[in-house]
Amino acid sequence: NKIPILLLPSNDANLISAQEIASKNSQFCENIYDKKTRQAYRNEIFNVYPARPQEIPKEFQQGNVYKLEMYNYALNLTTTGLVDLASKQVVKVDKMPASQPDIPNHLKELALKIAVHHPEVIKALGYQPGEEEALMANTKTALNQTKCERSMHLCVAPTFIKEDKALWAIVD
């Protein structure tokens, strides 16, 4: 049975291994399915990196422990896990409702492509911007009073500067 988690693409064996270990852990995967219908939610590993020293439980060795951040789009839920590669186990899981981890590069690039090609952005600026003109493209946002905030979706806001004005393009 394939676990419904989009893994973070990587050539790094440690990152691949950490994701495989976490994706087999029942606590880490507790919210990947709707509990009533058993339908799979869209879940994606956004980040995998060596855990910071202060995050690592005392009994585990720094350098062997990786932190994973998984986002559940339907529940607007971030699940983090600490994986010890030496023992091949998940040593800690935390769930953060109504929160999103930093987005991975492939989603930043997608948001940029959407923003620079959107007719409203082109009209507002008076020209089609290049992707390199966008600032803060991976900045998550829930701008007040926007549809994105009300829906509690994952949104980013590439920002374009024209003269003394800024245009935020909210990408859902």
N, C-alpha and C. Protein backbone atom coordinates (compact mmCIF):
# COMPACT_ATOMS: atom_id res chain seq x y z
N ASN A 1 0.83 -1.19 0.00
CA ASN A 1 0.00 0.00 0.00
C ASN A 1 0.87 1.25 0.00
N LYS A 2 0.63 2.13 -0.95
CA LYS A 2 1.40 3.36 -1.04
C LYS A 2 0.84 4.40 -0.07
N ILE A 3 1.71 4.98 0.72
CA ILE A 3 1.32 6.01 1.69
C ILE A 3 1.07 7.32 0.92
N PRO A 4 -0.06 8.01 1.17
CA PRO A 4 -0.38 9.23 0.42
C PRO A 4 0.36 10.48 0.92
N ILE A 5 1.68 10.44 0.79
CA ILE A 5 2.51 11.58 1.16
C ILE A 5 3.43 11.87 -0.01
N LEU A 6 3.39 13.11 -0.51
CA LEU A 6 4.35 13.51 -1.53
C LEU A 6 5.67 13.77 -0.81
N LEU A 7 6.69 13.02 -1.18
CA LEU A 7 7.99 13.18 -0.54
C LEU A 7 8.76 14.32 -1.19
N LEU A 8 9.65 14.89 -0.43
CA LEU A 8 10.51 15.96 -0.94
C LEU A 8 11.59 15.32 -1.80
N PRO A 9 11.65 15.69 -3.08
CA PRO A 9 12.68 15.09 -3.93
C PRO A 9 14.08 15.43 -3.43
N SER A 10 14.95 14.44 -3.43
CA SER A 10 16.32 14.66 -2.96
C SER A 10 17.23 13.57 -3.48
N ASN A 11 18.50 13.90 -3.61
CA ASN A 11 19.53 12.91 -3.94
C ASN A 11 20.32 12.52 -2.69
N ASP A 12 19.99 13.18 -1.56
CA ASP A 12 20.69 12.94 -0.31
C ASP A 12 20.11 11.70 0.37
N ALA A 13 20.94 10.70 0.57
CA ALA A 13 20.48 9.43 1.15
C ALA A 13 19.88 9.62 2.54
N ASN A 14 20.43 10.53 3.34
CA ASN A 14 19.88 10.77 4.68
C ASN A 14 18.47 11.36 4.63
N LEU A 15 18.25 12.29 3.72
CA LEU A 15 16.93 12.89 3.60
C LEU A 15 15.91 11.88 3.09
N ILE A 16 16.32 11.05 2.16
CA ILE A 16 15.45 9.99 1.63
C ILE A 16 15.11 9.01 2.74
N SER A 17 16.11 8.57 3.48
CA SER A 17 15.91 7.62 4.57
C SER A 17 15.00 8.19 5.66
N ALA A 18 15.22 9.44 6.04
CA ALA A 18 14.39 10.08 7.07
C ALA A 18 12.92 10.10 6.65
N GLN A 19 12.67 10.39 5.38
CA GLN A 19 11.30 10.43 4.88
C GLN A 19 10.67 9.03 4.87
N GLU A 20 11.44 8.04 4.48
CA GLU A 20 10.93 6.67 4.46
C GLU A 20 10.57 6.20 5.87
N ILE A 21 11.43 6.51 6.83
CA ILE A 21 11.18 6.10 8.22
C ILE A 21 9.92 6.80 8.75
N ALA A 22 9.82 8.10 8.53
CA ALA A 22 8.67 8.86 9.04
C ALA A 22 7.37 8.40 8.39
N SER A 23 7.42 8.11 7.09
CA SER A 23 6.19 7.73 6.38
C SER A 23 5.65 6.37 6.80
N LYS A 24 6.44 5.62 7.57
CA LYS A 24 5.99 4.31 8.08
C LYS A 24 5.59 4.39 9.56
N ASN A 25 5.67 5.59 10.14
CA ASN A 25 5.38 5.76 11.56
C ASN A 25 3.92 6.17 11.76
N SER A 26 3.18 5.42 12.57
CA SER A 26 1.75 5.66 12.74
C SER A 26 1.45 7.01 13.39
N GLN A 27 2.29 7.46 14.30
CA GLN A 27 2.04 8.75 14.94
C GLN A 27 2.27 9.89 13.95
N PHE A 28 3.34 9.80 13.17
CA PHE A 28 3.63 10.84 12.17
C PHE A 28 2.52 10.88 11.12
N CYS A 29 1.98 9.71 10.77
CA CYS A 29 0.98 9.60 9.70
C CYS A 29 -0.46 9.60 10.20
N GLU A 30 -0.66 9.95 11.44
CA GLU A 30 -1.98 9.87 12.07
C GLU A 30 -3.07 10.62 11.30
N ASN A 31 -2.75 11.75 10.68
CA ASN A 31 -3.77 12.57 10.03
C ASN A 31 -3.69 12.58 8.51
N ILE A 32 -3.14 11.55 7.90
CA ILE A 32 -3.03 11.56 6.44
C ILE A 32 -4.30 11.09 5.74
N TYR A 33 -5.22 10.50 6.52
CA TYR A 33 -6.51 10.06 5.98
C TYR A 33 -7.65 10.71 6.75
N ASP A 34 -8.78 10.91 6.07
CA ASP A 34 -10.00 11.33 6.75
C ASP A 34 -10.42 10.17 7.64
N LYS A 35 -10.64 10.44 8.90
CA LYS A 35 -10.93 9.36 9.86
C LYS A 35 -12.27 8.67 9.59
N LYS A 36 -13.24 9.37 8.99
CA LYS A 36 -14.54 8.77 8.71
C LYS A 36 -14.55 8.02 7.38
N THR A 37 -14.09 8.68 6.33
CA THR A 37 -14.21 8.09 4.98
C THR A 37 -12.98 7.28 4.56
N ARG A 38 -11.88 7.44 5.28
CA ARG A 38 -10.59 6.80 4.94
C ARG A 38 -10.03 7.31 3.61
N GLN A 39 -10.57 8.41 3.11
CA GLN A 39 -10.02 9.04 1.91
C GLN A 39 -8.70 9.69 2.28
N ALA A 40 -7.75 9.59 1.38
CA ALA A 40 -6.44 10.20 1.61
C ALA A 40 -6.52 11.71 1.44
N TYR A 41 -5.91 12.42 2.38
CA TYR A 41 -5.73 13.86 2.24
C TYR A 41 -4.47 14.09 1.41
N ARG A 42 -4.33 15.32 0.90
CA ARG A 42 -3.08 15.68 0.23
C ARG A 42 -2.09 16.08 1.32
N ASN A 43 -1.01 15.32 1.41
CA ASN A 43 0.04 15.54 2.40
C ASN A 43 1.36 15.67 1.65
N GLU A 44 2.19 16.58 2.08
CA GLU A 44 3.46 16.79 1.39
C GLU A 44 4.56 17.13 2.39
N ILE A 45 5.70 16.46 2.23
CA ILE A 45 6.88 16.81 3.03
C ILE A 45 7.46 18.08 2.40
N PHE A 46 7.46 19.15 3.18
CA PHE A 46 7.97 20.43 2.68
C PHE A 46 9.46 20.59 2.93
N ASN A 47 9.94 20.10 4.08
CA ASN A 47 11.34 20.31 4.45
C ASN A 47 11.87 19.12 5.23
N VAL A 48 13.14 18.82 5.00
CA VAL A 48 13.88 17.82 5.78
C VAL A 48 15.27 18.40 5.98
N TYR A 49 15.71 18.44 7.23
CA TYR A 49 17.03 19.01 7.51
C TYR A 49 17.56 18.47 8.84
N PRO A 50 18.88 18.55 9.05
CA PRO A 50 19.43 18.10 10.34
C PRO A 50 18.77 18.89 11.47
N ALA A 51 18.33 18.17 12.49
CA ALA A 51 17.70 18.83 13.64
C ALA A 51 18.70 19.72 14.35
N ARG A 52 18.20 20.80 14.91
CA ARG A 52 19.05 21.69 15.69
C ARG A 52 19.39 21.02 17.02
N PRO A 53 20.55 21.32 17.58
CA PRO A 53 20.96 20.68 18.84
C PRO A 53 19.91 20.75 19.94
N GLN A 54 19.25 21.89 20.08
CA GLN A 54 18.25 22.05 21.15
C GLN A 54 16.98 21.24 20.90
N GLU A 55 16.78 20.74 19.68
CA GLU A 55 15.59 19.94 19.37
C GLU A 55 15.80 18.44 19.62
N ILE A 56 17.04 18.05 19.74
CA ILE A 56 17.37 16.62 19.82
C ILE A 56 17.28 16.13 21.26
N PRO A 57 16.48 15.09 21.52
CA PRO A 57 16.44 14.52 22.87
C PRO A 57 17.85 14.08 23.30
N LYS A 58 18.13 14.21 24.59
CA LYS A 58 19.48 13.97 25.13
C LYS A 58 20.07 12.61 24.75
N GLU A 59 19.23 11.59 24.67
CA GLU A 59 19.73 10.24 24.41
C GLU A 59 20.12 9.98 22.95
N PHE A 60 19.93 10.99 22.08
CA PHE A 60 20.27 10.80 20.67
C PHE A 60 21.42 11.70 20.27
N GLN A 61 22.18 11.26 19.29
CA GLN A 61 23.40 11.96 18.89
C GLN A 61 23.12 12.96 17.77
N GLN A 62 23.63 14.17 17.96
CA GLN A 62 23.51 15.20 16.94
C GLN A 62 24.17 14.69 15.65
N GLY A 63 23.58 15.01 14.53
CA GLY A 63 24.11 14.57 13.24
C GLY A 63 23.36 13.36 12.72
N ASN A 64 22.75 12.59 13.62
CA ASN A 64 21.95 11.44 13.21
C ASN A 64 20.47 11.74 13.17
N VAL A 65 20.07 12.89 13.72
CA VAL A 65 18.65 13.21 13.85
C VAL A 65 18.26 14.28 12.83
N TYR A 66 17.19 13.96 12.08
CA TYR A 66 16.68 14.87 11.06
C TYR A 66 15.26 15.30 11.42
N LYS A 67 14.94 16.54 11.08
CA LYS A 67 13.59 17.06 11.31
C LYS A 67 12.85 17.11 9.98
N LEU A 68 11.62 16.63 9.99
CA LEU A 68 10.77 16.66 8.81
C LEU A 68 9.57 17.55 9.11
N GLU A 69 9.13 18.27 8.09
CA GLU A 69 7.93 19.09 8.21
C GLU A 69 6.97 18.66 7.11
N MET A 70 5.81 18.13 7.52
CA MET A 70 4.81 17.68 6.57
C MET A 70 3.58 18.59 6.68
N TYR A 71 3.05 18.96 5.52
CA TYR A 71 1.86 19.81 5.49
C TYR A 71 0.67 19.02 4.97
N ASN A 72 -0.45 19.12 5.68
CA ASN A 72 -1.70 18.52 5.26
C ASN A 72 -2.57 19.66 4.75
N TYR A 73 -2.79 19.69 3.43
CA TYR A 73 -3.53 20.80 2.80
C TYR A 73 -4.97 20.89 3.29
N ALA A 74 -5.63 19.76 3.41
CA ALA A 74 -7.05 19.76 3.77
C ALA A 74 -7.29 20.24 5.20
N LEU A 75 -6.42 19.86 6.10
CA LEU A 75 -6.59 20.21 7.51
C LEU A 75 -5.83 21.47 7.92
N ASN A 76 -5.03 22.03 7.00
CA ASN A 76 -4.16 23.17 7.32
C ASN A 76 -3.36 22.84 8.57
N LEU A 77 -2.67 21.71 8.50
CA LEU A 77 -1.98 21.14 9.65
C LEU A 77 -0.53 20.85 9.30
N THR A 78 0.37 21.28 10.15
CA THR A 78 1.77 20.92 10.01
C THR A 78 2.10 19.84 11.04
N THR A 79 2.71 18.77 10.57
CA THR A 79 3.20 17.72 11.46
C THR A 79 4.71 17.71 11.33
N THR A 80 5.40 17.80 12.45
CA THR A 80 6.86 17.71 12.42
C THR A 80 7.26 16.40 13.09
N GLY A 81 8.36 15.86 12.61
CA GLY A 81 8.87 14.63 13.19
C GLY A 81 10.38 14.68 13.29
N LEU A 82 10.91 14.11 14.36
CA LEU A 82 12.35 13.95 14.50
C LEU A 82 12.65 12.47 14.25
N VAL A 83 13.56 12.21 13.31
CA VAL A 83 13.92 10.85 12.94
C VAL A 83 15.39 10.63 13.27
N ASP A 84 15.65 9.58 14.05
CA ASP A 84 17.02 9.19 14.35
C ASP A 84 17.44 8.14 13.33
N LEU A 85 18.40 8.49 12.48
CA LEU A 85 18.82 7.57 11.42
C LEU A 85 19.58 6.37 11.97
N ALA A 86 20.29 6.55 13.07
CA ALA A 86 21.07 5.45 13.64
C ALA A 86 20.15 4.31 14.09
N SER A 87 19.07 4.66 14.78
CA SER A 87 18.15 3.63 15.28
C SER A 87 16.98 3.39 14.33
N LYS A 88 16.91 4.19 13.27
CA LYS A 88 15.84 4.09 12.26
C LYS A 88 14.45 4.21 12.89
N GLN A 89 14.30 5.23 13.76
CA GLN A 89 13.00 5.42 14.41
C GLN A 89 12.63 6.89 14.50
N VAL A 90 11.34 7.14 14.56
CA VAL A 90 10.83 8.48 14.83
C VAL A 90 10.86 8.66 16.34
N VAL A 91 11.54 9.71 16.79
CA VAL A 91 11.72 9.90 18.23
C VAL A 91 10.81 10.97 18.82
N LYS A 92 10.19 11.77 17.96
CA LYS A 92 9.28 12.80 18.44
C LYS A 92 8.38 13.26 17.30
N VAL A 93 7.11 13.51 17.61
CA VAL A 93 6.15 14.03 16.64
C VAL A 93 5.39 15.17 17.30
N ASP A 94 5.24 16.27 16.58
CA ASP A 94 4.43 17.39 17.04
C ASP A 94 3.45 17.76 15.94
N LYS A 95 2.26 18.18 16.34
CA LYS A 95 1.25 18.62 15.39
C LYS A 95 0.91 20.08 15.69
N MET A 96 0.88 20.88 14.64
CA MET A 96 0.59 22.30 14.78
C MET A 96 -0.59 22.66 13.90
N PRO A 97 -1.81 22.65 14.46
CA PRO A 97 -2.98 23.02 13.67
C PRO A 97 -2.91 24.47 13.21
N ALA A 98 -3.55 24.74 12.08
CA ALA A 98 -3.63 26.10 11.52
C ALA A 98 -2.26 26.72 11.34
N SER A 99 -1.31 25.92 10.86
CA SER A 99 0.02 26.46 10.59
C SER A 99 0.62 25.78 9.37
N GLN A 100 1.51 26.51 8.72
CA GLN A 100 2.18 25.99 7.54
C GLN A 100 3.68 26.13 7.70
N PRO A 101 4.42 25.10 7.27
CA PRO A 101 5.89 25.24 7.29
C PRO A 101 6.34 26.12 6.13
N ASP A 102 7.61 26.49 6.14
CA ASP A 102 8.16 27.21 4.99
C ASP A 102 7.98 26.34 3.76
N ILE A 103 7.63 26.99 2.64
CA ILE A 103 7.36 26.20 1.44
C ILE A 103 8.66 25.79 0.75
N PRO A 104 8.64 24.62 0.10
CA PRO A 104 9.84 24.17 -0.62
C PRO A 104 10.01 24.94 -1.93
N ASN A 105 11.20 24.85 -2.49
CA ASN A 105 11.52 25.61 -3.71
C ASN A 105 10.58 25.33 -4.86
N HIS A 106 10.14 24.07 -5.04
CA HIS A 106 9.28 23.80 -6.21
C HIS A 106 7.93 24.51 -6.09
N LEU A 107 7.42 24.74 -4.88
CA LEU A 107 6.18 25.50 -4.73
C LEU A 107 6.43 27.00 -4.89
N LYS A 108 7.59 27.46 -4.44
CA LYS A 108 7.96 28.87 -4.67
C LYS A 108 8.01 29.14 -6.17
N GLU A 109 8.66 28.25 -6.91
CA GLU A 109 8.76 28.43 -8.36
C GLU A 109 7.39 28.39 -9.04
N LEU A 110 6.51 27.52 -8.58
CA LEU A 110 5.15 27.46 -9.13
C LEU A 110 4.40 28.76 -8.85
N ALA A 111 4.51 29.27 -7.63
CA ALA A 111 3.84 30.53 -7.28
C ALA A 111 4.35 31.67 -8.15
N LEU A 112 5.64 31.70 -8.40
CA LEU A 112 6.22 32.74 -9.26
C LEU A 112 5.66 32.66 -10.68
N LYS A 113 5.61 31.45 -11.23
CA LYS A 113 5.09 31.28 -12.59
C LYS A 113 3.63 31.73 -12.68
N ILE A 114 2.84 31.37 -11.69
CA ILE A 114 1.44 31.79 -11.67
C ILE A 114 1.34 33.31 -11.60
N ALA A 115 2.11 33.92 -10.69
CA ALA A 115 2.03 35.37 -10.50
C ALA A 115 2.46 36.15 -11.73
N VAL A 116 3.60 35.80 -12.32
CA VAL A 116 4.11 36.62 -13.44
C VAL A 116 3.30 36.46 -14.72
N HIS A 117 2.52 35.38 -14.82
CA HIS A 117 1.70 35.18 -16.02
C HIS A 117 0.23 35.53 -15.82
N HIS A 118 -0.13 35.95 -14.62
CA HIS A 118 -1.54 36.24 -14.36
C HIS A 118 -1.94 37.58 -14.97
N PRO A 119 -3.05 37.61 -15.73
CA PRO A 119 -3.48 38.85 -16.39
C PRO A 119 -3.67 40.04 -15.44
N GLU A 120 -4.14 39.80 -14.22
CA GLU A 120 -4.33 40.91 -13.28
C GLU A 120 -3.01 41.53 -12.85
N VAL A 121 -1.99 40.70 -12.68
CA VAL A 121 -0.66 41.21 -12.31
C VAL A 121 -0.09 42.03 -13.46
N ILE A 122 -0.19 41.49 -14.66
CA ILE A 122 0.31 42.19 -15.85
C ILE A 122 -0.41 43.52 -16.03
N LYS A 123 -1.73 43.52 -15.86
CA LYS A 123 -2.52 44.75 -16.01
C LYS A 123 -2.13 45.77 -14.93
N ALA A 124 -2.02 45.32 -13.69
CA ALA A 124 -1.70 46.24 -12.59
C ALA A 124 -0.32 46.88 -12.75
N LEU A 125 0.64 46.09 -13.25
CA LEU A 125 1.99 46.63 -13.43
C LEU A 125 2.16 47.38 -14.75
N GLY A 126 1.33 47.03 -15.72
CA GLY A 126 1.44 47.64 -17.05
C GLY A 126 2.42 46.91 -17.94
N TYR A 127 2.92 45.77 -17.49
CA TYR A 127 3.84 44.93 -18.26
C TYR A 127 3.92 43.57 -17.60
N GLN A 128 4.46 42.59 -18.35
CA GLN A 128 4.64 41.27 -17.74
C GLN A 128 6.00 41.22 -17.04
N PRO A 129 5.98 41.03 -15.73
CA PRO A 129 7.24 41.00 -14.99
C PRO A 129 7.99 39.68 -15.21
N GLY A 130 9.27 39.71 -14.95
CA GLY A 130 10.06 38.49 -14.94
C GLY A 130 10.03 37.89 -13.54
N GLU A 131 10.28 36.59 -13.45
CA GLU A 131 10.26 35.93 -12.15
C GLU A 131 11.29 36.53 -11.19
N GLU A 132 12.41 37.02 -11.75
CA GLU A 132 13.46 37.58 -10.90
C GLU A 132 13.05 38.91 -10.26
N GLU A 133 11.97 39.52 -10.76
CA GLU A 133 11.50 40.79 -10.19
C GLU A 133 10.68 40.61 -8.92
N ALA A 134 10.24 39.39 -8.67
CA ALA A 134 9.40 39.15 -7.49
C ALA A 134 10.25 39.09 -6.23
N LEU A 135 9.79 39.75 -5.21
CA LEU A 135 10.43 39.70 -3.90
C LEU A 135 9.58 38.82 -3.00
N MET A 136 10.18 38.23 -2.01
CA MET A 136 9.47 37.46 -0.99
C MET A 136 8.53 36.41 -1.58
N ALA A 137 8.95 35.76 -2.65
CA ALA A 137 8.06 34.81 -3.34
C ALA A 137 7.69 33.60 -2.49
N ASN A 138 8.50 33.29 -1.51
CA ASN A 138 8.18 32.12 -0.68
C ASN A 138 7.62 32.52 0.68
N THR A 139 7.25 33.81 0.82
CA THR A 139 6.70 34.27 2.07
C THR A 139 5.25 33.82 2.18
N LYS A 140 4.99 32.99 3.19
CA LYS A 140 3.62 32.54 3.42
C LYS A 140 2.83 33.72 3.92
N THR A 141 1.57 33.73 3.58
CA THR A 141 0.77 34.84 4.04
C THR A 141 -0.68 34.44 4.22
N ALA A 142 -1.32 35.14 5.07
CA ALA A 142 -2.77 35.05 5.21
C ALA A 142 -3.21 36.50 5.34
N LEU A 143 -3.12 37.23 4.25
CA LEU A 143 -3.40 38.66 4.30
C LEU A 143 -4.81 38.90 4.81
N ASN A 144 -4.91 39.81 5.76
CA ASN A 144 -6.21 40.09 6.39
C ASN A 144 -7.28 40.43 5.37
N GLN A 145 -8.45 39.89 5.61
CA GLN A 145 -9.64 40.15 4.80
C GLN A 145 -9.57 39.57 3.39
N THR A 146 -8.63 38.68 3.11
CA THR A 146 -8.56 38.07 1.79
C THR A 146 -9.23 36.70 1.80
N LYS A 147 -9.58 36.24 0.63
CA LYS A 147 -10.18 34.91 0.49
C LYS A 147 -9.22 33.85 1.01
N CYS A 148 -7.94 34.07 0.80
CA CYS A 148 -6.93 33.12 1.27
C CYS A 148 -6.97 32.98 2.78
N GLU A 149 -7.06 34.08 3.48
CA GLU A 149 -7.12 34.02 4.94
C GLU A 149 -8.40 33.34 5.40
N ARG A 150 -9.52 33.70 4.79
CA ARG A 150 -10.80 33.12 5.20
C ARG A 150 -10.85 31.61 4.94
N SER A 151 -10.22 31.16 3.88
CA SER A 151 -10.25 29.73 3.54
C SER A 151 -9.21 28.93 4.32
N MET A 152 -8.28 29.61 4.98
CA MET A 152 -7.17 28.98 5.70
C MET A 152 -6.35 28.09 4.77
N HIS A 153 -6.16 28.54 3.54
CA HIS A 153 -5.33 27.82 2.59
C HIS A 153 -3.88 28.25 2.72
N LEU A 154 -3.00 27.43 2.16
CA LEU A 154 -1.60 27.80 2.06
C LEU A 154 -1.46 28.82 0.93
N CYS A 155 -1.01 29.99 1.26
CA CYS A 155 -0.86 31.05 0.27
C CYS A 155 0.51 31.70 0.41
N VAL A 156 1.03 32.16 -0.70
CA VAL A 156 2.26 32.94 -0.68
C VAL A 156 2.00 34.24 -1.45
N ALA A 157 2.85 35.22 -1.24
CA ALA A 157 2.61 36.53 -1.84
C ALA A 157 3.85 37.09 -2.51
N PRO A 158 4.14 36.65 -3.75
CA PRO A 158 5.23 37.31 -4.48
C PRO A 158 4.89 38.81 -4.58
N THR A 159 5.87 39.64 -4.36
CA THR A 159 5.66 41.09 -4.31
C THR A 159 6.47 41.75 -5.41
N PHE A 160 5.82 42.66 -6.11
CA PHE A 160 6.47 43.38 -7.21
C PHE A 160 6.50 44.87 -6.84
N ILE A 161 7.66 45.49 -7.03
CA ILE A 161 7.82 46.91 -6.74
C ILE A 161 7.84 47.67 -8.06
N LYS A 162 7.00 48.71 -8.14
CA LYS A 162 6.99 49.59 -9.31
C LYS A 162 7.00 51.01 -8.78
N GLU A 163 8.10 51.70 -9.06
CA GLU A 163 8.32 53.05 -8.54
C GLU A 163 8.20 53.02 -7.01
N ASP A 164 7.24 53.76 -6.45
CA ASP A 164 7.12 53.81 -4.99
C ASP A 164 5.95 52.97 -4.47
N LYS A 165 5.50 52.01 -5.29
CA LYS A 165 4.36 51.18 -4.90
C LYS A 165 4.74 49.70 -4.91
N ALA A 166 4.03 48.92 -4.10
CA ALA A 166 4.25 47.48 -4.05
C ALA A 166 2.95 46.78 -4.42
N LEU A 167 3.07 45.72 -5.21
CA LEU A 167 1.93 44.91 -5.60
C LEU A 167 2.14 43.51 -5.03
N TRP A 168 1.23 43.09 -4.15
CA TRP A 168 1.27 41.73 -3.62
C TRP A 168 0.35 40.88 -4.48
N ALA A 169 0.90 39.82 -5.03
CA ALA A 169 0.11 38.87 -5.81
C ALA A 169 -0.11 37.65 -4.92
N ILE A 170 -1.30 37.53 -4.37
CA ILE A 170 -1.57 36.41 -3.46
C ILE A 170 -1.86 35.17 -4.29
N VAL A 171 -1.03 34.15 -4.11
CA VAL A 171 -1.16 32.90 -4.85
C VAL A 171 -1.61 31.82 -3.87
N ASP A 172 -2.75 31.20 -4.16
CA ASP A 172 -3.33 30.15 -3.32
C ASP A 172 -2.87 28.81 -3.87
